[in-house]
Each structure stands twice: as C-alpha cells, then as structure tokens.
Amino acid sequence: MQKVVNIIAIASGVVSIAVVGSGLYVYLQRDKLVDNVKSQVMQAVSGSLPGLVDTKLPATTGGVLPGAAAGKGAGSAGLGIPR
C-alpha cells in the first residue's frame, strides 16, 4: 500500500512541476506568442480581403452632418433649435 501512495505522490509532483514549467514558459514567451498570433490573424484577414481596405476607404471626409460643409465655424450647422 505504501508503494502505491509513493507512486501517486511522485506522479502528482511531476504533474505539478510540468504545470508550473509550462506556465513559466508561456509567461516568459508571451510577447513572442502574441506577435505570432497577431501575424497569423493578419495574414488570414488580408488573404480574405485582398485590396478591399486600400480601395474602399476615402482619402478625406466631409462634415459631421449631411449637407454640412467642412471647415465652417461651430455655430453654422446644427439641429435647428429655435432661439
């Protein structure tokens, strides 16, 4: 019976060391792992959207409200609240 308990105790120690070692490895390599995942995601996204981002975004935008000209002062466009 003592041999069985000793084997279980050794196995438990080995598992604990493996868990701590794996956690330490991930903690120390987290920047590399995150950069690797980011690059894989960017490759997958750029492969599924070829040139879409570059061609569909406008170079400049207009005013905040429809019909409002860009560059006018702060009181020139609004909701038309009576005074």
N, C-alpha and C. Protein backbone atom coordinates (compact mmCIF):
# COMPACT_ATOMS: atom_id res chain seq x y z
N MET A 1 0.82 -1.20 0.00
CA MET A 1 0.00 0.00 0.00
C MET A 1 0.87 1.26 0.00
N GLN A 2 1.97 1.23 0.71
CA GLN A 2 2.88 2.38 0.78
C GLN A 2 3.49 2.67 -0.59
N LYS A 3 3.76 1.62 -1.39
CA LYS A 3 4.33 1.82 -2.71
C LYS A 3 3.34 2.55 -3.62
N VAL A 4 2.07 2.22 -3.52
CA VAL A 4 1.04 2.88 -4.33
C VAL A 4 0.95 4.36 -3.96
N VAL A 5 0.98 4.66 -2.68
CA VAL A 5 0.91 6.05 -2.23
C VAL A 5 2.15 6.81 -2.71
N ASN A 6 3.32 6.18 -2.66
CA ASN A 6 4.54 6.83 -3.12
C ASN A 6 4.50 7.10 -4.63
N ILE A 7 3.98 6.18 -5.40
CA ILE A 7 3.86 6.36 -6.85
C ILE A 7 2.90 7.51 -7.16
N ILE A 8 1.78 7.56 -6.45
CA ILE A 8 0.82 8.64 -6.65
C ILE A 8 1.44 9.99 -6.27
N ALA A 9 2.20 10.01 -5.20
CA ALA A 9 2.85 11.25 -4.77
C ALA A 9 3.89 11.71 -5.79
N ILE A 10 4.66 10.80 -6.33
CA ILE A 10 5.66 11.16 -7.35
C ILE A 10 4.96 11.66 -8.61
N ALA A 11 3.90 10.97 -9.03
CA ALA A 11 3.16 11.40 -10.22
C ALA A 11 2.55 12.78 -10.01
N SER A 12 2.06 13.03 -8.83
CA SER A 12 1.50 14.34 -8.52
C SER A 12 2.57 15.43 -8.58
N GLY A 13 3.74 15.14 -8.07
CA GLY A 13 4.85 16.09 -8.12
C GLY A 13 5.28 16.37 -9.55
N VAL A 14 5.33 15.33 -10.38
CA VAL A 14 5.71 15.51 -11.78
C VAL A 14 4.69 16.37 -12.51
N VAL A 15 3.43 16.12 -12.26
CA VAL A 15 2.37 16.93 -12.90
C VAL A 15 2.46 18.37 -12.43
N SER A 16 2.68 18.59 -11.16
CA SER A 16 2.78 19.95 -10.63
C SER A 16 3.97 20.69 -11.24
N ILE A 17 5.11 20.02 -11.36
CA ILE A 17 6.28 20.64 -11.97
C ILE A 17 6.01 20.95 -13.44
N ALA A 18 5.32 20.06 -14.14
CA ALA A 18 5.00 20.30 -15.55
C ALA A 18 4.08 21.50 -15.72
N VAL A 19 3.09 21.63 -14.85
CA VAL A 19 2.17 22.77 -14.92
C VAL A 19 2.89 24.08 -14.64
N VAL A 20 3.71 24.10 -13.61
CA VAL A 20 4.46 25.32 -13.27
C VAL A 20 5.45 25.65 -14.38
N GLY A 21 6.13 24.65 -14.92
CA GLY A 21 7.07 24.89 -16.01
C GLY A 21 6.40 25.41 -17.26
N SER A 22 5.24 24.86 -17.60
CA SER A 22 4.50 25.34 -18.77
C SER A 22 4.03 26.78 -18.57
N GLY A 23 3.52 27.06 -17.39
CA GLY A 23 3.09 28.43 -17.10
C GLY A 23 4.23 29.41 -17.15
N LEU A 24 5.38 29.03 -16.64
CA LEU A 24 6.56 29.90 -16.67
C LEU A 24 7.02 30.13 -18.11
N TYR A 25 6.99 29.08 -18.93
CA TYR A 25 7.38 29.23 -20.33
C TYR A 25 6.45 30.20 -21.05
N VAL A 26 5.15 30.03 -20.86
CA VAL A 26 4.18 30.92 -21.52
C VAL A 26 4.36 32.35 -21.02
N TYR A 27 4.59 32.52 -19.74
CA TYR A 27 4.78 33.87 -19.19
C TYR A 27 6.02 34.53 -19.77
N LEU A 28 7.10 33.80 -19.89
CA LEU A 28 8.33 34.37 -20.40
C LEU A 28 8.30 34.60 -21.92
N GLN A 29 7.52 33.81 -22.63
CA GLN A 29 7.45 33.91 -24.09
C GLN A 29 6.17 34.58 -24.58
N ARG A 30 5.45 35.28 -23.70
CA ARG A 30 4.13 35.81 -24.06
C ARG A 30 4.20 36.83 -25.18
N ASP A 31 5.22 37.68 -25.22
CA ASP A 31 5.32 38.67 -26.28
C ASP A 31 5.51 38.00 -27.63
N LYS A 32 6.37 37.01 -27.69
CA LYS A 32 6.61 36.28 -28.93
C LYS A 32 5.34 35.53 -29.36
N LEU A 33 4.65 34.92 -28.42
CA LEU A 33 3.43 34.18 -28.74
C LEU A 33 2.33 35.11 -29.25
N VAL A 34 2.17 36.27 -28.62
CA VAL A 34 1.15 37.23 -29.04
C VAL A 34 1.47 37.77 -30.42
N ASP A 35 2.72 38.10 -30.69
CA ASP A 35 3.11 38.59 -32.01
C ASP A 35 2.89 37.53 -33.08
N ASN A 36 3.16 36.29 -32.75
CA ASN A 36 2.94 35.19 -33.69
C ASN A 36 1.46 35.06 -34.03
N VAL A 37 0.61 35.12 -33.03
CA VAL A 37 -0.83 35.00 -33.27
C VAL A 37 -1.33 36.20 -34.07
N LYS A 38 -0.85 37.40 -33.74
CA LYS A 38 -1.26 38.60 -34.48
C LYS A 38 -0.88 38.49 -35.96
N SER A 39 0.33 38.02 -36.24
CA SER A 39 0.74 37.91 -37.63
C SER A 39 -0.08 36.86 -38.37
N GLN A 40 -0.43 35.77 -37.71
CA GLN A 40 -1.26 34.75 -38.35
C GLN A 40 -2.66 35.29 -38.64
N VAL A 41 -3.21 36.06 -37.71
CA VAL A 41 -4.54 36.63 -37.92
C VAL A 41 -4.50 37.64 -39.06
N MET A 42 -3.48 38.48 -39.09
CA MET A 42 -3.37 39.48 -40.16
C MET A 42 -3.21 38.82 -41.52
N GLN A 43 -2.47 37.73 -41.60
CA GLN A 43 -2.33 37.01 -42.86
C GLN A 43 -3.66 36.42 -43.30
N ALA A 44 -4.42 35.88 -42.36
CA ALA A 44 -5.71 35.29 -42.70
C ALA A 44 -6.70 36.36 -43.14
N VAL A 45 -6.70 37.50 -42.46
CA VAL A 45 -7.62 38.57 -42.81
C VAL A 45 -7.24 39.22 -44.14
N SER A 46 -5.96 39.48 -44.33
CA SER A 46 -5.53 40.12 -45.57
C SER A 46 -5.71 39.19 -46.76
N GLY A 47 -5.64 37.90 -46.54
CA GLY A 47 -5.88 36.95 -47.62
C GLY A 47 -7.34 36.89 -48.03
N SER A 48 -8.24 37.10 -47.09
CA SER A 48 -9.66 37.03 -47.41
C SER A 48 -10.20 38.37 -47.91
N LEU A 49 -9.48 39.47 -47.67
CA LEU A 49 -9.91 40.79 -48.13
C LEU A 49 -8.82 41.42 -48.99
N PRO A 50 -8.56 40.88 -50.16
CA PRO A 50 -7.45 41.41 -50.96
C PRO A 50 -7.74 42.81 -51.50
N GLY A 51 -7.00 43.77 -51.07
CA GLY A 51 -7.11 45.12 -51.59
C GLY A 51 -8.37 45.87 -51.20
N LEU A 52 -9.24 45.28 -50.44
CA LEU A 52 -10.50 45.92 -50.10
C LEU A 52 -10.29 47.13 -49.21
N VAL A 53 -9.40 47.01 -48.25
CA VAL A 53 -9.17 48.11 -47.32
C VAL A 53 -8.52 49.29 -48.03
N ASP A 54 -7.61 49.05 -48.93
CA ASP A 54 -6.90 50.12 -49.60
C ASP A 54 -7.78 50.88 -50.59
N THR A 55 -8.75 50.20 -51.21
CA THR A 55 -9.53 50.86 -52.25
C THR A 55 -10.84 51.44 -51.76
N LYS A 56 -11.37 51.01 -50.66
CA LYS A 56 -12.69 51.43 -50.22
C LYS A 56 -12.68 52.58 -49.23
N LEU A 57 -11.57 52.89 -48.61
CA LEU A 57 -11.53 53.97 -47.64
C LEU A 57 -11.30 55.31 -48.35
N PRO A 58 -12.07 56.34 -48.00
CA PRO A 58 -11.88 57.64 -48.64
C PRO A 58 -10.62 58.32 -48.13
N ALA A 59 -10.06 59.19 -48.96
CA ALA A 59 -8.87 59.94 -48.55
C ALA A 59 -9.24 61.03 -47.56
N THR A 60 -10.38 61.70 -47.78
CA THR A 60 -10.85 62.74 -46.86
C THR A 60 -12.33 62.55 -46.61
N THR A 61 -12.81 63.16 -45.58
CA THR A 61 -14.23 63.08 -45.26
C THR A 61 -14.82 64.48 -45.20
N GLY A 62 -16.13 64.55 -45.28
CA GLY A 62 -16.81 65.84 -45.24
C GLY A 62 -17.20 66.22 -43.83
N GLY A 63 -18.26 67.01 -43.71
CA GLY A 63 -18.73 67.47 -42.41
C GLY A 63 -19.38 66.37 -41.60
N VAL A 64 -19.69 66.69 -40.36
CA VAL A 64 -20.28 65.71 -39.46
C VAL A 64 -21.72 65.42 -39.86
N LEU A 65 -22.48 66.45 -40.19
CA LEU A 65 -23.87 66.30 -40.56
C LEU A 65 -24.00 66.25 -42.08
N PRO A 66 -24.99 65.52 -42.60
CA PRO A 66 -25.20 65.50 -44.05
C PRO A 66 -25.51 66.91 -44.54
N GLY A 67 -24.84 67.31 -45.59
CA GLY A 67 -25.07 68.63 -46.16
C GLY A 67 -24.25 69.72 -45.53
N ALA A 68 -23.59 69.47 -44.42
CA ALA A 68 -22.78 70.50 -43.77
C ALA A 68 -21.43 70.56 -44.46
N ALA A 69 -21.00 71.75 -44.79
CA ALA A 69 -19.71 71.92 -45.44
C ALA A 69 -18.60 71.82 -44.40
N ALA A 70 -17.51 71.21 -44.78
CA ALA A 70 -16.38 71.07 -43.87
C ALA A 70 -15.68 72.41 -43.71
N GLY A 71 -15.23 72.69 -42.52
CA GLY A 71 -14.43 73.86 -42.27
C GLY A 71 -15.20 75.07 -41.78
N LYS A 72 -16.50 75.00 -41.65
CA LYS A 72 -17.25 76.14 -41.15
C LYS A 72 -17.15 76.20 -39.63
N GLY A 73 -17.51 77.32 -39.05
CA GLY A 73 -17.43 77.52 -37.61
C GLY A 73 -18.39 76.65 -36.84
N ALA A 74 -18.27 76.68 -35.53
CA ALA A 74 -19.03 75.79 -34.67
C ALA A 74 -20.51 76.13 -34.66
N GLY A 75 -21.00 77.23 -34.85
CA GLY A 75 -22.42 77.50 -34.78
C GLY A 75 -23.15 77.47 -36.10
N SER A 76 -22.46 77.19 -37.18
CA SER A 76 -23.07 77.30 -38.50
C SER A 76 -23.97 76.12 -38.85
N ALA A 77 -23.70 74.95 -38.37
CA ALA A 77 -24.53 73.79 -38.66
C ALA A 77 -25.04 73.25 -37.34
N GLY A 78 -26.25 72.77 -37.34
CA GLY A 78 -26.80 72.24 -36.10
C GLY A 78 -28.14 71.61 -36.33
N LEU A 79 -28.89 71.47 -35.26
CA LEU A 79 -30.18 70.80 -35.34
C LEU A 79 -31.33 71.78 -35.55
N GLY A 80 -31.10 73.03 -35.62
CA GLY A 80 -32.16 74.00 -35.87
C GLY A 80 -33.03 74.22 -34.64
N ILE A 81 -32.45 74.33 -33.48
CA ILE A 81 -33.21 74.58 -32.25
C ILE A 81 -33.62 76.05 -32.24
N PRO A 82 -34.91 76.35 -32.01
CA PRO A 82 -35.34 77.75 -32.00
C PRO A 82 -34.73 78.51 -30.84
N ARG A 83 -34.53 79.82 -31.06
CA ARG A 83 -33.94 80.65 -30.01
C ARG A 83 -34.98 81.43 -29.30
